[in-house]
């Protein structure tokens, strides 16, 4: 079976910043397609990828980009698939420029935008998984279990804190 999620980086140097998404996909046992494509340096290849994505069986595209961060928007302009943007944090604006570039898409060409940083990469992966889970009950249950584990961690940390505060 071909991957249903693609994770695209505008530059190979973004790899380290999107690794949290890879960890989530690994935890869920989801194979993804990864590419390095640039809206500015490889525009023809980027457009071709976007135009053929649906016919190749992809269901969701995650695009990580920094600076002008046009990659998610260019991809969204050439496919009807859901596109999720991950703003890459770069100096001097620490990802604010990337975030603002992505969230200012014109009406009619949506890009769902996550935060810059580790949480944004994780949430992009979880959002893509949630989209696939709409038609996959096993994946839905995995997401429920993931959320329960998150809650259990917080509850355990709170219990530990309370124990310390009460002289434990």
C-alpha atoms as a PDB file:
ATOM      1  CA  UNK A   1       0.000   0.000   0.000  1.00  0.00           C
ATOM      2  CA  UNK A   2       1.265   3.456  -0.894  1.00  0.00           C
ATOM      3  CA  UNK A   3       1.649   6.099   1.815  1.00  0.00           C
ATOM      4  CA  UNK A   4      -1.383   8.330   2.302  1.00  0.00           C
ATOM      5  CA  UNK A   5       0.555  11.166   3.920  1.00  0.00           C
ATOM      6  CA  UNK A   6       3.374  13.171   2.373  1.00  0.00           C
ATOM      7  CA  UNK A   7       5.774  15.259   4.432  1.00  0.00           C
ATOM      8  CA  UNK A   8       7.521  17.861   2.295  1.00  0.00           C
ATOM      9  CA  UNK A   9      10.441  20.047   3.363  1.00  0.00           C
ATOM     10  CA  UNK A  10      11.442  23.213   1.592  1.00  0.00           C
ATOM     11  CA  UNK A  11      15.078  22.435   2.378  1.00  0.00           C
ATOM     12  CA  UNK A  12      16.925  19.385   3.680  1.00  0.00           C
ATOM     13  CA  UNK A  13      18.138  21.587   6.545  1.00  0.00           C
ATOM     14  CA  UNK A  14      14.523  21.483   7.837  1.00  0.00           C
ATOM     15  CA  UNK A  15      14.789  17.731   8.513  1.00  0.00           C
ATOM     16  CA  UNK A  16      15.865  18.092  12.131  1.00  0.00           C
ATOM     17  CA  UNK A  17      12.978  20.461  12.848  1.00  0.00           C
ATOM     18  CA  UNK A  18      10.341  18.084  11.493  1.00  0.00           C
ATOM     19  CA  UNK A  19      11.686  14.997  13.270  1.00  0.00           C
ATOM     20  CA  UNK A  20       8.979  15.251  15.981  1.00  0.00           C
ATOM     21  CA  UNK A  21       6.410  14.550  13.244  1.00  0.00           C
ATOM     22  CA  UNK A  22       8.397  11.498  12.174  1.00  0.00           C
ATOM     23  CA  UNK A  23       8.379  10.241  15.772  1.00  0.00           C
ATOM     24  CA  UNK A  24       4.570  10.501  15.858  1.00  0.00           C
ATOM     25  CA  UNK A  25       4.187   8.657  12.553  1.00  0.00           C
ATOM     26  CA  UNK A  26       6.545   5.943  13.801  1.00  0.00           C
ATOM     27  CA  UNK A  27       4.573   5.614  17.054  1.00  0.00           C
ATOM     28  CA  UNK A  28       1.372   5.113  15.048  1.00  0.00           C
ATOM     29  CA  UNK A  29       3.029   2.762  12.546  1.00  0.00           C
ATOM     30  CA  UNK A  30       2.232   5.024   9.603  1.00  0.00           C
ATOM     31  CA  UNK A  31       4.407   5.031   6.507  1.00  0.00           C
ATOM     32  CA  UNK A  32       4.806   8.399   4.870  1.00  0.00           C
ATOM     33  CA  UNK A  33       6.361   9.782   1.729  1.00  0.00           C
ATOM     34  CA  UNK A  34       9.077  12.387   2.300  1.00  0.00           C
ATOM     35  CA  UNK A  35      10.442  14.842  -0.228  1.00  0.00           C
ATOM     36  CA  UNK A  36      12.558  17.960  -0.427  1.00  0.00           C
ATOM     37  CA  UNK A  37      10.796  20.391  -2.757  1.00  0.00           C
ATOM     38  CA  UNK A  38      11.120  24.141  -2.928  1.00  0.00           C
ATOM     39  CA  UNK A  39       8.468  26.585  -4.051  1.00  0.00           C
ATOM     40  CA  UNK A  40      11.261  28.849  -5.304  1.00  0.00           C
ATOM     41  CA  UNK A  41      14.194  26.605  -6.264  1.00  0.00           C
ATOM     42  CA  UNK A  42      12.240  23.677  -7.770  1.00  0.00           C
ATOM     43  CA  UNK A  43       8.896  25.240  -8.718  1.00  0.00           C
ATOM     44  CA  UNK A  44       8.157  22.871 -11.618  1.00  0.00           C
ATOM     45  CA  UNK A  45       8.801  19.743  -9.521  1.00  0.00           C
ATOM     46  CA  UNK A  46       6.733  21.159  -6.652  1.00  0.00           C
ATOM     47  CA  UNK A  47       3.747  21.886  -8.884  1.00  0.00           C
ATOM     48  CA  UNK A  48       4.035  18.466 -10.558  1.00  0.00           C
ATOM     49  CA  UNK A  49       4.113  16.768  -7.146  1.00  0.00           C
ATOM     50  CA  UNK A  50       0.999  18.660  -6.017  1.00  0.00           C
ATOM     51  CA  UNK A  51      -0.931  18.002  -9.223  1.00  0.00           C
ATOM     52  CA  UNK A  52      -0.223  14.244  -9.106  1.00  0.00           C
ATOM     53  CA  UNK A  53      -0.582  13.754  -5.332  1.00  0.00           C
ATOM     54  CA  UNK A  54      -4.242  12.770  -5.323  1.00  0.00           C
ATOM     55  CA  UNK A  55      -3.909  10.353  -8.247  1.00  0.00           C
ATOM     56  CA  UNK A  56      -1.000   8.659  -6.438  1.00  0.00           C
ATOM     57  CA  UNK A  57      -3.221   7.910  -3.425  1.00  0.00           C
ATOM     58  CA  UNK A  58      -2.088  10.636  -1.051  1.00  0.00           C
ATOM     59  CA  UNK A  59      -4.783  11.943   1.297  1.00  0.00           C
ATOM     60  CA  UNK A  60      -2.928  14.652   3.263  1.00  0.00           C
ATOM     61  CA  UNK A  61       0.156  16.758   2.578  1.00  0.00           C
ATOM     62  CA  UNK A  62       2.266  18.365   5.284  1.00  0.00           C
ATOM     63  CA  UNK A  63       4.611  21.078   4.052  1.00  0.00           C
ATOM     64  CA  UNK A  64       7.347  22.564   6.235  1.00  0.00           C
ATOM     65  CA  UNK A  65       8.974  25.806   5.161  1.00  0.00           C
ATOM     66  CA  UNK A  66      10.811  28.765   6.623  1.00  0.00           C
ATOM     67  CA  UNK A  67      11.240  32.419   5.738  1.00  0.00           C
ATOM     68  CA  UNK A  68       8.817  33.400   2.994  1.00  0.00           C
ATOM     69  CA  UNK A  69       7.303  29.913   3.504  1.00  0.00           C
ATOM     70  CA  UNK A  70       5.427  29.721   0.223  1.00  0.00           C
ATOM     71  CA  UNK A  71       5.677  25.929  -0.067  1.00  0.00           C
ATOM     72  CA  UNK A  72       2.351  24.991   1.607  1.00  0.00           C
ATOM     73  CA  UNK A  73       0.473  27.646  -0.354  1.00  0.00           C
ATOM     74  CA  UNK A  74       1.957  26.647  -3.695  1.00  0.00           C
ATOM     75  CA  UNK A  75       1.069  23.027  -3.017  1.00  0.00           C
ATOM     76  CA  UNK A  76      -2.459  23.961  -1.880  1.00  0.00           C
ATOM     77  CA  UNK A  77      -2.950  25.979  -5.067  1.00  0.00           C
ATOM     78  CA  UNK A  78      -2.427  22.830  -7.139  1.00  0.00           C
ATOM     79  CA  UNK A  79      -4.369  20.173  -5.208  1.00  0.00           C
ATOM     80  CA  UNK A  80      -7.660  19.804  -3.383  1.00  0.00           C
ATOM     81  CA  UNK A  81      -6.040  17.586  -0.746  1.00  0.00           C
ATOM     82  CA  UNK A  82      -5.749  18.987   2.786  1.00  0.00           C
ATOM     83  CA  UNK A  83      -2.445  20.810   3.215  1.00  0.00           C
ATOM     84  CA  UNK A  84      -0.970  21.357   6.665  1.00  0.00           C
ATOM     85  CA  UNK A  85       1.813  23.908   7.059  1.00  0.00           C
ATOM     86  CA  UNK A  86       4.638  23.737   9.582  1.00  0.00           C
ATOM     87  CA  UNK A  87       6.406  27.102   9.924  1.00  0.00           C
ATOM     88  CA  UNK A  88      10.133  26.531  10.345  1.00  0.00           C
ATOM     89  CA  UNK A  89      11.754  28.728  12.943  1.00  0.00           C
ATOM     90  CA  UNK A  90      14.694  30.632  11.468  1.00  0.00           C
ATOM     91  CA  UNK A  91      16.607  33.711  12.553  1.00  0.00           C
ATOM     92  CA  UNK A  92      16.016  36.610  12.810  1.00  0.00           C
ATOM     93  CA  UNK A  93      12.247  36.277  13.356  1.00  0.00           C
ATOM     94  CA  UNK A  94      12.178  32.801  14.956  1.00  0.00           C
ATOM     95  CA  UNK A  95       9.425  31.517  12.675  1.00  0.00           C
ATOM     96  CA  UNK A  96       7.043  34.470  12.960  1.00  0.00           C
ATOM     97  CA  UNK A  97       7.705  35.365   9.315  1.00  0.00           C
ATOM     98  CA  UNK A  98       6.986  31.779   8.254  1.00  0.00           C
ATOM     99  CA  UNK A  99       3.829  31.606  10.362  1.00  0.00           C
ATOM    100  CA  UNK A 100       2.452  34.884   9.017  1.00  0.00           C
ATOM    101  CA  UNK A 101       3.241  33.865   5.439  1.00  0.00           C
ATOM    102  CA  UNK A 102       1.267  30.641   5.847  1.00  0.00           C
ATOM    103  CA  UNK A 103      -1.764  31.990   7.685  1.00  0.00           C
ATOM    104  CA  UNK A 104      -2.333  34.760   5.144  1.00  0.00           C
ATOM    105  CA  UNK A 105      -3.460  32.490   2.322  1.00  0.00           C
ATOM    106  CA  UNK A 106      -6.211  34.036   0.209  1.00  0.00           C
ATOM    107  CA  UNK A 107      -9.758  32.822   0.701  1.00  0.00           C
ATOM    108  CA  UNK A 108     -10.482  29.673  -1.268  1.00  0.00           C
ATOM    109  CA  UNK A 109      -6.997  28.126  -1.023  1.00  0.00           C
ATOM    110  CA  UNK A 110      -6.741  26.894   2.572  1.00  0.00           C
ATOM    111  CA  UNK A 111      -3.631  25.832   4.423  1.00  0.00           C
ATOM    112  CA  UNK A 112      -4.070  24.567   7.981  1.00  0.00           C
ATOM    113  CA  UNK A 113      -1.153  26.060   9.890  1.00  0.00           C
ATOM    114  CA  UNK A 114       0.469  24.702  13.018  1.00  0.00           C
ATOM    115  CA  UNK A 115       2.805  26.522  15.385  1.00  0.00           C
ATOM    116  CA  UNK A 116       6.530  26.782  14.786  1.00  0.00           C
ATOM    117  CA  UNK A 117       8.690  24.430  16.821  1.00  0.00           C
ATOM    118  CA  UNK A 118       8.400  20.899  18.146  1.00  0.00           C
ATOM    119  CA  UNK A 119       4.710  21.201  19.029  1.00  0.00           C
ATOM    120  CA  UNK A 120       3.855  22.323  15.512  1.00  0.00           C
ATOM    121  CA  UNK A 121       5.573  19.331  13.933  1.00  0.00           C
ATOM    122  CA  UNK A 122       3.872  16.943  16.370  1.00  0.00           C
ATOM    123  CA  UNK A 123       0.461  18.558  15.845  1.00  0.00           C
ATOM    124  CA  UNK A 124       0.825  18.481  12.061  1.00  0.00           C
ATOM    125  CA  UNK A 125       1.373  14.718  12.228  1.00  0.00           C
ATOM    126  CA  UNK A 126      -1.521  14.235  14.654  1.00  0.00           C
ATOM    127  CA  UNK A 127      -3.831  16.359  12.488  1.00  0.00           C
ATOM    128  CA  UNK A 128      -2.933  14.321   9.404  1.00  0.00           C
ATOM    129  CA  UNK A 129      -3.593  11.123  11.356  1.00  0.00           C
ATOM    130  CA  UNK A 130      -6.932  12.494  12.583  1.00  0.00           C
ATOM    131  CA  UNK A 131      -7.942  13.175   8.977  1.00  0.00           C
ATOM    132  CA  UNK A 132      -7.122   9.593   7.992  1.00  0.00           C
ATOM    133  CA  UNK A 133      -8.907   8.317  11.115  1.00  0.00           C
ATOM    134  CA  UNK A 134     -12.201   9.700   9.803  1.00  0.00           C
ATOM    135  CA  UNK A 135     -12.348   6.550   7.660  1.00  0.00           C
ATOM    136  CA  UNK A 136     -10.318   4.176   9.827  1.00  0.00           C
ATOM    137  CA  UNK A 137     -11.757   2.989  13.145  1.00  0.00           C
ATOM    138  CA  UNK A 138      -8.501   1.313  14.213  1.00  0.00           C
ATOM    139  CA  UNK A 139      -6.645   4.588  13.728  1.00  0.00           C
ATOM    140  CA  UNK A 140      -9.392   6.398  15.649  1.00  0.00           C
ATOM    141  CA  UNK A 141      -8.862   4.063  18.596  1.00  0.00           C
ATOM    142  CA  UNK A 142      -5.091   4.602  18.418  1.00  0.00           C
ATOM    143  CA  UNK A 143      -5.685   8.360  18.649  1.00  0.00           C
ATOM    144  CA  UNK A 144      -7.974   7.869  21.651  1.00  0.00           C
ATOM    145  CA  UNK A 145      -5.314   5.747  23.363  1.00  0.00           C
ATOM    146  CA  UNK A 146      -2.638   8.350  22.569  1.00  0.00           C
ATOM    147  CA  UNK A 147      -4.746  11.063  24.207  1.00  0.00           C
ATOM    148  CA  UNK A 148      -5.369   8.850  27.242  1.00  0.00           C
ATOM    149  CA  UNK A 149      -1.612   8.325  27.626  1.00  0.00           C
ATOM    150  CA  UNK A 150      -1.077  12.093  27.496  1.00  0.00           C
ATOM    151  CA  UNK A 151      -3.705  12.577  30.187  1.00  0.00           C
ATOM    152  CA  UNK A 152      -2.193   9.802  32.321  1.00  0.00           C
ATOM    153  CA  UNK A 153       1.207  11.527  32.194  1.00  0.00           C
ATOM    154  CA  UNK A 154      -0.265  14.820  33.383  1.00  0.00           C
ATOM    155  CA  UNK A 155      -2.220  13.110  36.165  1.00  0.00           C
ATOM    156  CA  UNK A 156       0.911  11.258  37.321  1.00  0.00           C
ATOM    157  CA  UNK A 157       2.938  14.476  37.321  1.00  0.00           C
ATOM    158  CA  UNK A 158       0.240  16.261  39.289  1.00  0.00           C
ATOM    159  CA  UNK A 159       0.137  13.428  41.836  1.00  0.00           C
ATOM    160  CA  UNK A 160       3.905  13.628  42.211  1.00  0.00           C
ATOM    161  CA  UNK A 161       3.716  17.391  42.690  1.00  0.00           C
ATOM    162  CA  UNK A 162       0.972  17.087  45.266  1.00  0.00           C
ATOM    163  CA  UNK A 163       2.970  14.464  47.153  1.00  0.00           C
ATOM    164  CA  UNK A 164       6.010  16.789  47.240  1.00  0.00           C
ATOM    165  CA  UNK A 165       3.938  19.798  48.294  1.00  0.00           C
ATOM    166  CA  UNK A 166       2.330  17.852  51.126  1.00  0.00           C
ATOM    167  CA  UNK A 167       5.642  16.853  52.668  1.00  0.00           C
ATOM    168  CA  UNK A 168       5.923  13.459  50.977  1.00  0.00           C
END
